[in-house]
């Protein structure tokens, strides 16, 4: 041994570089395939996080077929022939995920008060309501209580938007046909931990980008010749139900959600939940 270092041959270095490149390619392919099959499926947060395609096994549809999940339209409104209109800004109104978490915490603590709040007009004003969660609420009642509270709050919020002076700047806002159905699906998204685009792919079907939903509807009532020409009537379309409102051959009708998305709220009572109080605030200052 003369103690000298043996210099690797060019062929050895070439093979080493090839192995390193192959290893990197395999890791990249594994990560990509994993994301297709939901291993790294995007969450239900921003649109950018929901922009990739991947495969999902839809539960409760008995098809046993993997489906490609397509991202939702990059627009505020989108439309389904079967389930009407949806408003991107209403999926998280009142923060249903926080409502569920707060009900769970209150129930585990023997009951308590939870708060739901929503700002409008870029935070210029907003609405807040408090609810009492009974100490009798058990683990199996959490979702029913949370949905009951969230539905009650959603209706109160729409009524608040329709009162003076707020309805002067948004006369077509309260109980728009897309509001409550969108908020219902937002709650189901958080309650089931199903990603929003998965809910549409598996149960609601594909949707299309839409302009502003129809808040006014023009119709003509047929008359008799003695009545003169038919005159159009204009009515404001509203939806005070959490089921979608869809135009059919018989007119505007409410359509039930698919069975997998039907969850029942627990009604208000001394053993479940009670409305406590609410307030309007302007620039973070409460006004009784």
C-alpha atoms as a PDB file:
ATOM      1  CA  UNK A   1       0.000   0.000   0.000  1.00  0.00           C
ATOM      2  CA  UNK A   2       1.422   3.355  -0.950  1.00  0.00           C
ATOM      3  CA  UNK A   3      -1.373   5.429   0.792  1.00  0.00           C
ATOM      4  CA  UNK A   4      -2.503   7.093  -2.415  1.00  0.00           C
ATOM      5  CA  UNK A   5      -6.211   7.743  -3.102  1.00  0.00           C
ATOM      6  CA  UNK A   6      -7.808   5.884  -5.987  1.00  0.00           C
ATOM      7  CA  UNK A   7      -9.578   8.298  -8.343  1.00  0.00           C
ATOM      8  CA  UNK A   8     -13.030   6.994  -9.482  1.00  0.00           C
ATOM      9  CA  UNK A   9     -13.231   6.232 -13.161  1.00  0.00           C
ATOM     10  CA  UNK A  10     -15.397   8.307 -15.477  1.00  0.00           C
ATOM     11  CA  UNK A  11     -17.636   5.279 -16.059  1.00  0.00           C
ATOM     12  CA  UNK A  12     -18.238   4.926 -12.299  1.00  0.00           C
ATOM     13  CA  UNK A  13     -19.095   8.617 -11.963  1.00  0.00           C
ATOM     14  CA  UNK A  14     -21.449   8.384 -14.936  1.00  0.00           C
ATOM     15  CA  UNK A  15     -23.285   5.400 -13.428  1.00  0.00           C
ATOM     16  CA  UNK A  16     -23.533   7.177 -10.061  1.00  0.00           C
ATOM     17  CA  UNK A  17     -25.102  10.256 -11.661  1.00  0.00           C
ATOM     18  CA  UNK A  18     -27.585   8.079 -13.579  1.00  0.00           C
ATOM     19  CA  UNK A  19     -28.614   6.264 -10.366  1.00  0.00           C
ATOM     20  CA  UNK A  20     -29.120   9.551  -8.535  1.00  0.00           C
ATOM     21  CA  UNK A  21     -31.289  10.889 -11.381  1.00  0.00           C
ATOM     22  CA  UNK A  22     -33.348   7.704 -11.498  1.00  0.00           C
ATOM     23  CA  UNK A  23     -33.889   7.831  -7.757  1.00  0.00           C
ATOM     24  CA  UNK A  24     -35.056  11.443  -7.929  1.00  0.00           C
ATOM     25  CA  UNK A  25     -37.426  10.589 -10.798  1.00  0.00           C
ATOM     26  CA  UNK A  26     -38.927   7.665  -8.884  1.00  0.00           C
ATOM     27  CA  UNK A  27     -39.523   9.836  -5.819  1.00  0.00           C
ATOM     28  CA  UNK A  28     -41.233  12.455  -7.965  1.00  0.00           C
ATOM     29  CA  UNK A  29     -43.412   9.832  -9.646  1.00  0.00           C
ATOM     30  CA  UNK A  30     -44.384   8.340  -6.286  1.00  0.00           C
ATOM     31  CA  UNK A  31     -45.404  11.697  -4.913  1.00  0.00           C
ATOM     32  CA  UNK A  32     -47.437  12.494  -8.039  1.00  0.00           C
ATOM     33  CA  UNK A  33     -49.217   9.130  -8.087  1.00  0.00           C
ATOM     34  CA  UNK A  34     -49.923   9.479  -4.378  1.00  0.00           C
ATOM     35  CA  UNK A  35     -51.572  12.844  -4.915  1.00  0.00           C
ATOM     36  CA  UNK A  36     -53.739  11.404  -7.700  1.00  0.00           C
ATOM     37  CA  UNK A  37     -55.108   8.791  -5.338  1.00  0.00           C
ATOM     38  CA  UNK A  38     -55.790  11.223  -2.541  1.00  0.00           C
ATOM     39  CA  UNK A  39     -52.551  10.620  -0.597  1.00  0.00           C
ATOM     40  CA  UNK A  40     -51.712  14.304  -0.802  1.00  0.00           C
ATOM     41  CA  UNK A  41     -55.165  15.524  -1.787  1.00  0.00           C
ATOM     42  CA  UNK A  42     -55.571  19.307  -1.406  1.00  0.00           C
ATOM     43  CA  UNK A  43     -57.591  20.638   1.496  1.00  0.00           C
ATOM     44  CA  UNK A  44     -60.795  22.592   1.338  1.00  0.00           C
ATOM     45  CA  UNK A  45     -59.052  25.959   1.745  1.00  0.00           C
ATOM     46  CA  UNK A  46     -58.072  28.342  -1.043  1.00  0.00           C
ATOM     47  CA  UNK A  47     -58.845  27.818  -4.705  1.00  0.00           C
ATOM     48  CA  UNK A  48     -55.126  27.371  -5.392  1.00  0.00           C
ATOM     49  CA  UNK A  49     -55.060  24.428  -2.995  1.00  0.00           C
ATOM     50  CA  UNK A  50     -58.026  22.902  -4.837  1.00  0.00           C
ATOM     51  CA  UNK A  51     -56.543  23.285  -8.312  1.00  0.00           C
ATOM     52  CA  UNK A  52     -55.095  19.789  -8.880  1.00  0.00           C
ATOM     53  CA  UNK A  53     -56.774  16.620 -10.128  1.00  0.00           C
ATOM     54  CA  UNK A  54     -56.817  13.379  -8.160  1.00  0.00           C
ATOM     55  CA  UNK A  55     -58.833  10.192  -7.836  1.00  0.00           C
ATOM     56  CA  UNK A  56     -61.315   9.477  -5.054  1.00  0.00           C
ATOM     57  CA  UNK A  57     -63.411   6.510  -3.984  1.00  0.00           C
ATOM     58  CA  UNK A  58     -66.892   7.932  -3.370  1.00  0.00           C
ATOM     59  CA  UNK A  59     -68.541   6.375  -0.334  1.00  0.00           C
ATOM     60  CA  UNK A  60     -72.273   5.575  -0.209  1.00  0.00           C
ATOM     61  CA  UNK A  61     -72.700   5.545  -3.981  1.00  0.00           C
ATOM     62  CA  UNK A  62     -72.216   1.757  -4.365  1.00  0.00           C
ATOM     63  CA  UNK A  63     -70.335   2.247  -7.632  1.00  0.00           C
ATOM     64  CA  UNK A  64     -66.936   1.072  -6.351  1.00  0.00           C
ATOM     65  CA  UNK A  65     -65.408   3.130  -9.145  1.00  0.00           C
ATOM     66  CA  UNK A  66     -62.612   5.627  -8.613  1.00  0.00           C
ATOM     67  CA  UNK A  67     -63.532   9.050  -9.955  1.00  0.00           C
ATOM     68  CA  UNK A  68     -61.413  11.979 -11.003  1.00  0.00           C
ATOM     69  CA  UNK A  69     -62.080  14.979  -8.776  1.00  0.00           C
ATOM     70  CA  UNK A  70     -62.184  18.173 -10.762  1.00  0.00           C
ATOM     71  CA  UNK A  71     -61.545  21.598  -9.199  1.00  0.00           C
ATOM     72  CA  UNK A  72     -64.507  23.894  -8.765  1.00  0.00           C
ATOM     73  CA  UNK A  73     -64.831  26.909 -11.084  1.00  0.00           C
ATOM     74  CA  UNK A  74     -62.607  29.846 -10.240  1.00  0.00           C
ATOM     75  CA  UNK A  75     -65.540  32.211  -9.841  1.00  0.00           C
ATOM     76  CA  UNK A  76     -67.808  33.476  -7.107  1.00  0.00           C
ATOM     77  CA  UNK A  77     -70.946  31.845  -8.513  1.00  0.00           C
ATOM     78  CA  UNK A  78     -71.431  28.448 -10.087  1.00  0.00           C
ATOM     79  CA  UNK A  79     -74.480  26.509 -11.157  1.00  0.00           C
ATOM     80  CA  UNK A  80     -75.777  22.933 -11.212  1.00  0.00           C
ATOM     81  CA  UNK A  81     -78.722  21.827 -13.346  1.00  0.00           C
ATOM     82  CA  UNK A  82     -79.861  19.556 -10.502  1.00  0.00           C
ATOM     83  CA  UNK A  83     -79.066  21.649  -7.420  1.00  0.00           C
ATOM     84  CA  UNK A  84     -79.186  25.270  -8.498  1.00  0.00           C
ATOM     85  CA  UNK A  85     -76.793  28.073  -7.621  1.00  0.00           C
ATOM     86  CA  UNK A  86     -73.905  28.310  -5.170  1.00  0.00           C
ATOM     87  CA  UNK A  87     -71.969  31.310  -3.855  1.00  0.00           C
ATOM     88  CA  UNK A  88     -68.294  30.749  -3.065  1.00  0.00           C
ATOM     89  CA  UNK A  89     -68.368  33.459  -0.370  1.00  0.00           C
ATOM     90  CA  UNK A  90     -71.102  31.687   1.625  1.00  0.00           C
ATOM     91  CA  UNK A  91     -69.521  28.259   2.131  1.00  0.00           C
ATOM     92  CA  UNK A  92     -67.723  29.504   5.233  1.00  0.00           C
ATOM     93  CA  UNK A  93     -70.204  32.122   6.449  1.00  0.00           C
ATOM     94  CA  UNK A  94     -70.221  32.123  10.238  1.00  0.00           C
ATOM     95  CA  UNK A  95     -67.313  29.636  10.239  1.00  0.00           C
ATOM     96  CA  UNK A  96     -69.219  26.330  10.586  1.00  0.00           C
ATOM     97  CA  UNK A  97     -66.028  24.434  11.456  1.00  0.00           C
ATOM     98  CA  UNK A  98     -65.594  26.692  14.481  1.00  0.00           C
ATOM     99  CA  UNK A  99     -69.249  26.246  15.436  1.00  0.00           C
ATOM    100  CA  UNK A 100     -68.769  22.456  15.528  1.00  0.00           C
ATOM    101  CA  UNK A 101     -65.570  22.779  17.563  1.00  0.00           C
ATOM    102  CA  UNK A 102     -67.152  25.238  20.018  1.00  0.00           C
ATOM    103  CA  UNK A 103     -70.221  23.040  20.549  1.00  0.00           C
ATOM    104  CA  UNK A 104     -67.948  20.071  21.241  1.00  0.00           C
ATOM    105  CA  UNK A 105     -65.900  22.086  23.741  1.00  0.00           C
ATOM    106  CA  UNK A 106     -69.008  23.462  25.489  1.00  0.00           C
ATOM    107  CA  UNK A 107     -70.599  20.016  25.747  1.00  0.00           C
ATOM    108  CA  UNK A 108     -67.412  18.508  27.180  1.00  0.00           C
ATOM    109  CA  UNK A 109     -67.319  21.313  29.776  1.00  0.00           C
ATOM    110  CA  UNK A 110     -70.868  20.667  31.008  1.00  0.00           C
ATOM    111  CA  UNK A 111     -72.475  23.352  28.861  1.00  0.00           C
ATOM    112  CA  UNK A 112     -71.643  26.915  27.954  1.00  0.00           C
ATOM    113  CA  UNK A 113     -72.089  29.895  25.647  1.00  0.00           C
ATOM    114  CA  UNK A 114     -70.757  29.909  22.088  1.00  0.00           C
ATOM    115  CA  UNK A 115     -70.527  32.889  19.734  1.00  0.00           C
ATOM    116  CA  UNK A 116     -71.021  33.073  15.964  1.00  0.00           C
ATOM    117  CA  UNK A 117     -70.018  36.210  14.111  1.00  0.00           C
ATOM    118  CA  UNK A 118     -69.891  37.381  10.499  1.00  0.00           C
ATOM    119  CA  UNK A 119     -68.702  40.662   9.047  1.00  0.00           C
ATOM    120  CA  UNK A 120     -70.022  42.311   5.867  1.00  0.00           C
ATOM    121  CA  UNK A 121     -69.047  45.314   3.775  1.00  0.00           C
ATOM    122  CA  UNK A 122     -65.337  44.544   4.204  1.00  0.00           C
ATOM    123  CA  UNK A 123     -65.653  44.619   7.984  1.00  0.00           C
ATOM    124  CA  UNK A 124     -67.567  47.886   8.171  1.00  0.00           C
ATOM    125  CA  UNK A 125     -70.369  46.145  10.009  1.00  0.00           C
ATOM    126  CA  UNK A 126     -71.357  42.671  11.125  1.00  0.00           C
ATOM    127  CA  UNK A 127     -73.672  40.432  13.077  1.00  0.00           C
ATOM    128  CA  UNK A 128     -72.928  38.348  16.182  1.00  0.00           C
ATOM    129  CA  UNK A 129     -75.164  35.903  18.055  1.00  0.00           C
ATOM    130  CA  UNK A 130     -74.640  33.873  21.242  1.00  0.00           C
ATOM    131  CA  UNK A 131     -76.090  30.431  21.960  1.00  0.00           C
ATOM    132  CA  UNK A 132     -76.325  28.369  25.105  1.00  0.00           C
ATOM    133  CA  UNK A 133     -75.233  24.743  24.719  1.00  0.00           C
ATOM    134  CA  UNK A 134     -76.844  22.468  27.313  1.00  0.00           C
ATOM    135  CA  UNK A 135     -74.767  20.315  29.614  1.00  0.00           C
ATOM    136  CA  UNK A 136     -77.019  17.395  28.630  1.00  0.00           C
ATOM    137  CA  UNK A 137     -75.510  17.287  25.131  1.00  0.00           C
ATOM    138  CA  UNK A 138     -73.598  14.046  24.653  1.00  0.00           C
ATOM    139  CA  UNK A 139     -70.959  13.139  22.039  1.00  0.00           C
ATOM    140  CA  UNK A 140     -73.554  11.642  19.693  1.00  0.00           C
ATOM    141  CA  UNK A 141     -75.529  14.908  19.767  1.00  0.00           C
ATOM    142  CA  UNK A 142     -72.663  17.235  18.812  1.00  0.00           C
ATOM    143  CA  UNK A 143     -73.357  17.418  15.068  1.00  0.00           C
ATOM    144  CA  UNK A 144     -77.130  17.681  15.484  1.00  0.00           C
ATOM    145  CA  UNK A 145     -76.777  20.523  17.991  1.00  0.00           C
ATOM    146  CA  UNK A 146     -74.144  22.303  15.899  1.00  0.00           C
ATOM    147  CA  UNK A 147     -76.319  22.058  12.770  1.00  0.00           C
ATOM    148  CA  UNK A 148     -79.386  23.270  14.664  1.00  0.00           C
ATOM    149  CA  UNK A 149     -77.479  26.288  15.963  1.00  0.00           C
ATOM    150  CA  UNK A 150     -75.864  27.009  12.613  1.00  0.00           C
ATOM    151  CA  UNK A 151     -79.172  26.885  10.758  1.00  0.00           C
ATOM    152  CA  UNK A 152     -80.829  29.169  13.320  1.00  0.00           C
ATOM    153  CA  UNK A 153     -77.935  31.618  13.102  1.00  0.00           C
ATOM    154  CA  UNK A 154     -77.989  31.540   9.282  1.00  0.00           C
ATOM    155  CA  UNK A 155     -81.679  32.511   9.191  1.00  0.00           C
ATOM    156  CA  UNK A 156     -81.139  35.277  11.752  1.00  0.00           C
ATOM    157  CA  UNK A 157     -78.178  36.561   9.768  1.00  0.00           C
ATOM    158  CA  UNK A 158     -80.268  36.750   6.585  1.00  0.00           C
ATOM    159  CA  UNK A 159     -83.037  38.554   8.481  1.00  0.00           C
ATOM    160  CA  UNK A 160     -80.462  40.976   9.866  1.00  0.00           C
ATOM    161  CA  UNK A 161     -79.243  41.719   6.337  1.00  0.00           C
ATOM    162  CA  UNK A 162     -82.813  42.484   5.310  1.00  0.00           C
ATOM    163  CA  UNK A 163     -83.404  45.079   8.016  1.00  0.00           C
ATOM    164  CA  UNK A 164     -82.730  48.806   7.858  1.00  0.00           C
ATOM    165  CA  UNK A 165     -80.299  50.331   7.103  1.00  0.00           C
ATOM    166  CA  UNK A 166     -78.451  47.353   5.591  1.00  0.00           C
ATOM    167  CA  UNK A 167     -81.131  46.510   3.023  1.00  0.00           C
ATOM    168  CA  UNK A 168     -80.759  49.973   1.475  1.00  0.00           C
ATOM    169  CA  UNK A 169     -77.349  49.018   0.033  1.00  0.00           C
ATOM    170  CA  UNK A 170     -78.195  45.366  -0.664  1.00  0.00           C
ATOM    171  CA  UNK A 171     -81.919  44.998  -1.396  1.00  0.00           C
ATOM    172  CA  UNK A 172     -81.465  41.654  -3.165  1.00  0.00           C
ATOM    173  CA  UNK A 173     -79.107  40.175  -0.563  1.00  0.00           C
ATOM    174  CA  UNK A 174     -81.388  38.703   2.154  1.00  0.00           C
ATOM    175  CA  UNK A 175     -82.453  35.106   1.477  1.00  0.00           C
ATOM    176  CA  UNK A 176     -81.005  35.030  -2.025  1.00  0.00           C
ATOM    177  CA  UNK A 177     -81.762  31.687  -3.632  1.00  0.00           C
ATOM    178  CA  UNK A 178     -78.132  30.552  -3.335  1.00  0.00           C
ATOM    179  CA  UNK A 179     -77.299  31.656   0.237  1.00  0.00           C
ATOM    180  CA  UNK A 180     -78.760  29.077   2.634  1.00  0.00           C
ATOM    181  CA  UNK A 181     -78.122  26.031   0.405  1.00  0.00           C
ATOM    182  CA  UNK A 182     -74.489  27.092   0.034  1.00  0.00           C
ATOM    183  CA  UNK A 183     -74.118  27.502   3.799  1.00  0.00           C
ATOM    184  CA  UNK A 184     -75.658  24.064   4.354  1.00  0.00           C
ATOM    185  CA  UNK A 185     -73.072  22.427   2.081  1.00  0.00           C
ATOM    186  CA  UNK A 186     -70.357  24.423   3.858  1.00  0.00           C
ATOM    187  CA  UNK A 187     -71.457  22.897   7.160  1.00  0.00           C
ATOM    188  CA  UNK A 188     -71.591  19.374   5.674  1.00  0.00           C
ATOM    189  CA  UNK A 189     -68.074  19.881   4.335  1.00  0.00           C
ATOM    190  CA  UNK A 190     -66.755  20.573   7.830  1.00  0.00           C
ATOM    191  CA  UNK A 191     -68.943  17.992   9.568  1.00  0.00           C
ATOM    192  CA  UNK A 192     -67.949  15.117   7.288  1.00  0.00           C
ATOM    193  CA  UNK A 193     -64.364  16.258   6.551  1.00  0.00           C
ATOM    194  CA  UNK A 194     -65.133  15.702   2.877  1.00  0.00           C
ATOM    195  CA  UNK A 195     -63.375  18.183   0.663  1.00  0.00           C
ATOM    196  CA  UNK A 196     -65.720  20.533  -1.129  1.00  0.00           C
ATOM    197  CA  UNK A 197     -64.785  19.382  -4.617  1.00  0.00           C
ATOM    198  CA  UNK A 198     -65.269  15.767  -3.519  1.00  0.00           C
ATOM    199  CA  UNK A 199     -68.824  16.559  -2.371  1.00  0.00           C
ATOM    200  CA  UNK A 200     -69.627  17.950  -5.806  1.00  0.00           C
ATOM    201  CA  UNK A 201     -67.870  15.172  -7.705  1.00  0.00           C
ATOM    202  CA  UNK A 202     -69.468  12.349  -5.729  1.00  0.00           C
ATOM    203  CA  UNK A 203     -72.935  13.660  -4.888  1.00  0.00           C
ATOM    204  CA  UNK A 204     -73.871  16.929  -6.586  1.00  0.00           C
ATOM    205  CA  UNK A 205     -72.274  16.534 -10.016  1.00  0.00           C
ATOM    206  CA  UNK A 206     -70.310  18.959 -12.125  1.00  0.00           C
ATOM    207  CA  UNK A 207     -71.061  22.658 -11.992  1.00  0.00           C
ATOM    208  CA  UNK A 208     -70.602  25.511 -14.425  1.00  0.00           C
ATOM    209  CA  UNK A 209     -69.415  29.060 -13.973  1.00  0.00           C
ATOM    210  CA  UNK A 210     -72.428  31.342 -13.635  1.00  0.00           C
ATOM    211  CA  UNK A 211     -73.221  35.022 -13.634  1.00  0.00           C
ATOM    212  CA  UNK A 212     -75.159  36.548 -10.763  1.00  0.00           C
ATOM    213  CA  UNK A 213     -78.016  34.179  -9.830  1.00  0.00           C
ATOM    214  CA  UNK A 214     -81.535  35.320 -10.775  1.00  0.00           C
ATOM    215  CA  UNK A 215     -82.765  37.500  -7.928  1.00  0.00           C
ATOM    216  CA  UNK A 216     -85.676  38.840  -9.969  1.00  0.00           C
ATOM    217  CA  UNK A 217     -88.051  36.730 -12.016  1.00  0.00           C
ATOM    218  CA  UNK A 218     -90.309  38.054 -14.784  1.00  0.00           C
ATOM    219  CA  UNK A 219     -93.396  35.987 -15.520  1.00  0.00           C
ATOM    220  CA  UNK A 220     -96.542  36.494 -17.549  1.00  0.00           C
ATOM    221  CA  UNK A 221     -99.886  35.313 -16.189  1.00  0.00           C
ATOM    222  CA  UNK A 222    -102.186  34.036 -18.952  1.00  0.00           C
ATOM    223  CA  UNK A 223    -105.461  35.898 -19.152  1.00  0.00           C
ATOM    224  CA  UNK A 224    -108.663  35.918 -21.184  1.00  0.00           C
ATOM    225  CA  UNK A 225    -109.222  38.085 -24.256  1.00  0.00           C
ATOM    226  CA  UNK A 226    -111.504  40.302 -22.168  1.00  0.00           C
ATOM    227  CA  UNK A 227    -108.636  40.981 -19.812  1.00  0.00           C
ATOM    228  CA  UNK A 228    -106.577  42.526 -22.556  1.00  0.00           C
ATOM    229  CA  UNK A 229    -102.910  41.723 -23.255  1.00  0.00           C
ATOM    230  CA  UNK A 230    -100.936  39.632 -20.787  1.00  0.00           C
ATOM    231  CA  UNK A 231     -98.859  41.857 -18.535  1.00  0.00           C
ATOM    232  CA  UNK A 232     -95.559  40.654 -17.105  1.00  0.00           C
ATOM    233  CA  UNK A 233     -95.090  40.564 -13.373  1.00  0.00           C
ATOM    234  CA  UNK A 234     -91.749  40.956 -11.648  1.00  0.00           C
ATOM    235  CA  UNK A 235     -91.098  39.180  -8.385  1.00  0.00           C
ATOM    236  CA  UNK A 236     -88.038  38.846  -6.217  1.00  0.00           C
ATOM    237  CA  UNK A 237     -86.838  35.259  -5.883  1.00  0.00           C
ATOM    238  CA  UNK A 238     -86.037  34.263  -2.323  1.00  0.00           C
ATOM    239  CA  UNK A 239     -85.202  30.988  -0.628  1.00  0.00           C
ATOM    240  CA  UNK A 240     -85.787  30.608   3.095  1.00  0.00           C
ATOM    241  CA  UNK A 241     -85.021  26.891   2.940  1.00  0.00           C
ATOM    242  CA  UNK A 242     -81.669  25.112   3.159  1.00  0.00           C
ATOM    243  CA  UNK A 243     -82.684  22.989   0.180  1.00  0.00           C
ATOM    244  CA  UNK A 244     -81.758  24.267  -3.298  1.00  0.00           C
ATOM    245  CA  UNK A 245     -84.337  26.133  -5.370  1.00  0.00           C
ATOM    246  CA  UNK A 246     -84.404  24.965  -8.997  1.00  0.00           C
ATOM    247  CA  UNK A 247     -86.466  26.055 -12.003  1.00  0.00           C
ATOM    248  CA  UNK A 248     -88.513  23.113 -13.332  1.00  0.00           C
ATOM    249  CA  UNK A 249     -91.285  22.760 -15.926  1.00  0.00           C
ATOM    250  CA  UNK A 250     -93.762  23.333 -13.102  1.00  0.00           C
ATOM    251  CA  UNK A 251     -91.963  26.437 -11.863  1.00  0.00           C
ATOM    252  CA  UNK A 252     -89.517  27.044  -9.040  1.00  0.00           C
ATOM    253  CA  UNK A 253     -89.315  24.051  -6.714  1.00  0.00           C
ATOM    254  CA  UNK A 254     -87.180  22.941  -3.779  1.00  0.00           C
ATOM    255  CA  UNK A 255     -85.076  19.858  -4.470  1.00  0.00           C
ATOM    256  CA  UNK A 256     -83.891  17.545  -1.657  1.00  0.00           C
ATOM    257  CA  UNK A 257     -80.197  16.899  -1.230  1.00  0.00           C
ATOM    258  CA  UNK A 258     -78.808  13.430  -2.040  1.00  0.00           C
ATOM    259  CA  UNK A 259     -79.328  10.994   0.889  1.00  0.00           C
ATOM    260  CA  UNK A 260     -75.626  10.967   1.771  1.00  0.00           C
ATOM    261  CA  UNK A 261     -75.736  14.725   2.428  1.00  0.00           C
ATOM    262  CA  UNK A 262     -78.916  14.825   4.504  1.00  0.00           C
ATOM    263  CA  UNK A 263     -78.186  15.599   8.150  1.00  0.00           C
ATOM    264  CA  UNK A 264     -80.863  16.369  10.707  1.00  0.00           C
ATOM    265  CA  UNK A 265     -80.510  19.307  13.123  1.00  0.00           C
ATOM    266  CA  UNK A 266     -81.558  18.918  16.747  1.00  0.00           C
ATOM    267  CA  UNK A 267     -84.277  21.450  17.594  1.00  0.00           C
ATOM    268  CA  UNK A 268     -83.880  24.076  20.277  1.00  0.00           C
ATOM    269  CA  UNK A 269     -84.735  22.943  23.821  1.00  0.00           C
ATOM    270  CA  UNK A 270     -83.451  23.154  27.380  1.00  0.00           C
ATOM    271  CA  UNK A 271     -81.551  19.895  26.856  1.00  0.00           C
ATOM    272  CA  UNK A 272     -79.936  20.815  23.517  1.00  0.00           C
ATOM    273  CA  UNK A 273     -79.374  24.487  22.735  1.00  0.00           C
ATOM    274  CA  UNK A 274     -81.030  27.881  23.167  1.00  0.00           C
ATOM    275  CA  UNK A 275     -80.616  31.227  21.449  1.00  0.00           C
ATOM    276  CA  UNK A 276     -79.197  33.698  23.971  1.00  0.00           C
ATOM    277  CA  UNK A 277     -78.637  37.137  22.416  1.00  0.00           C
ATOM    278  CA  UNK A 278     -77.382  38.989  19.346  1.00  0.00           C
ATOM    279  CA  UNK A 279     -75.900  42.326  18.395  1.00  0.00           C
ATOM    280  CA  UNK A 280     -74.929  44.478  15.442  1.00  0.00           C
ATOM    281  CA  UNK A 281     -71.468  45.988  15.367  1.00  0.00           C
ATOM    282  CA  UNK A 282     -69.828  48.708  13.330  1.00  0.00           C
ATOM    283  CA  UNK A 283     -66.049  48.857  13.056  1.00  0.00           C
ATOM    284  CA  UNK A 284     -65.819  46.306  15.893  1.00  0.00           C
ATOM    285  CA  UNK A 285     -68.067  48.383  18.184  1.00  0.00           C
ATOM    286  CA  UNK A 286     -71.236  46.620  19.367  1.00  0.00           C
ATOM    287  CA  UNK A 287     -74.547  48.431  19.023  1.00  0.00           C
ATOM    288  CA  UNK A 288     -77.367  46.935  21.170  1.00  0.00           C
END
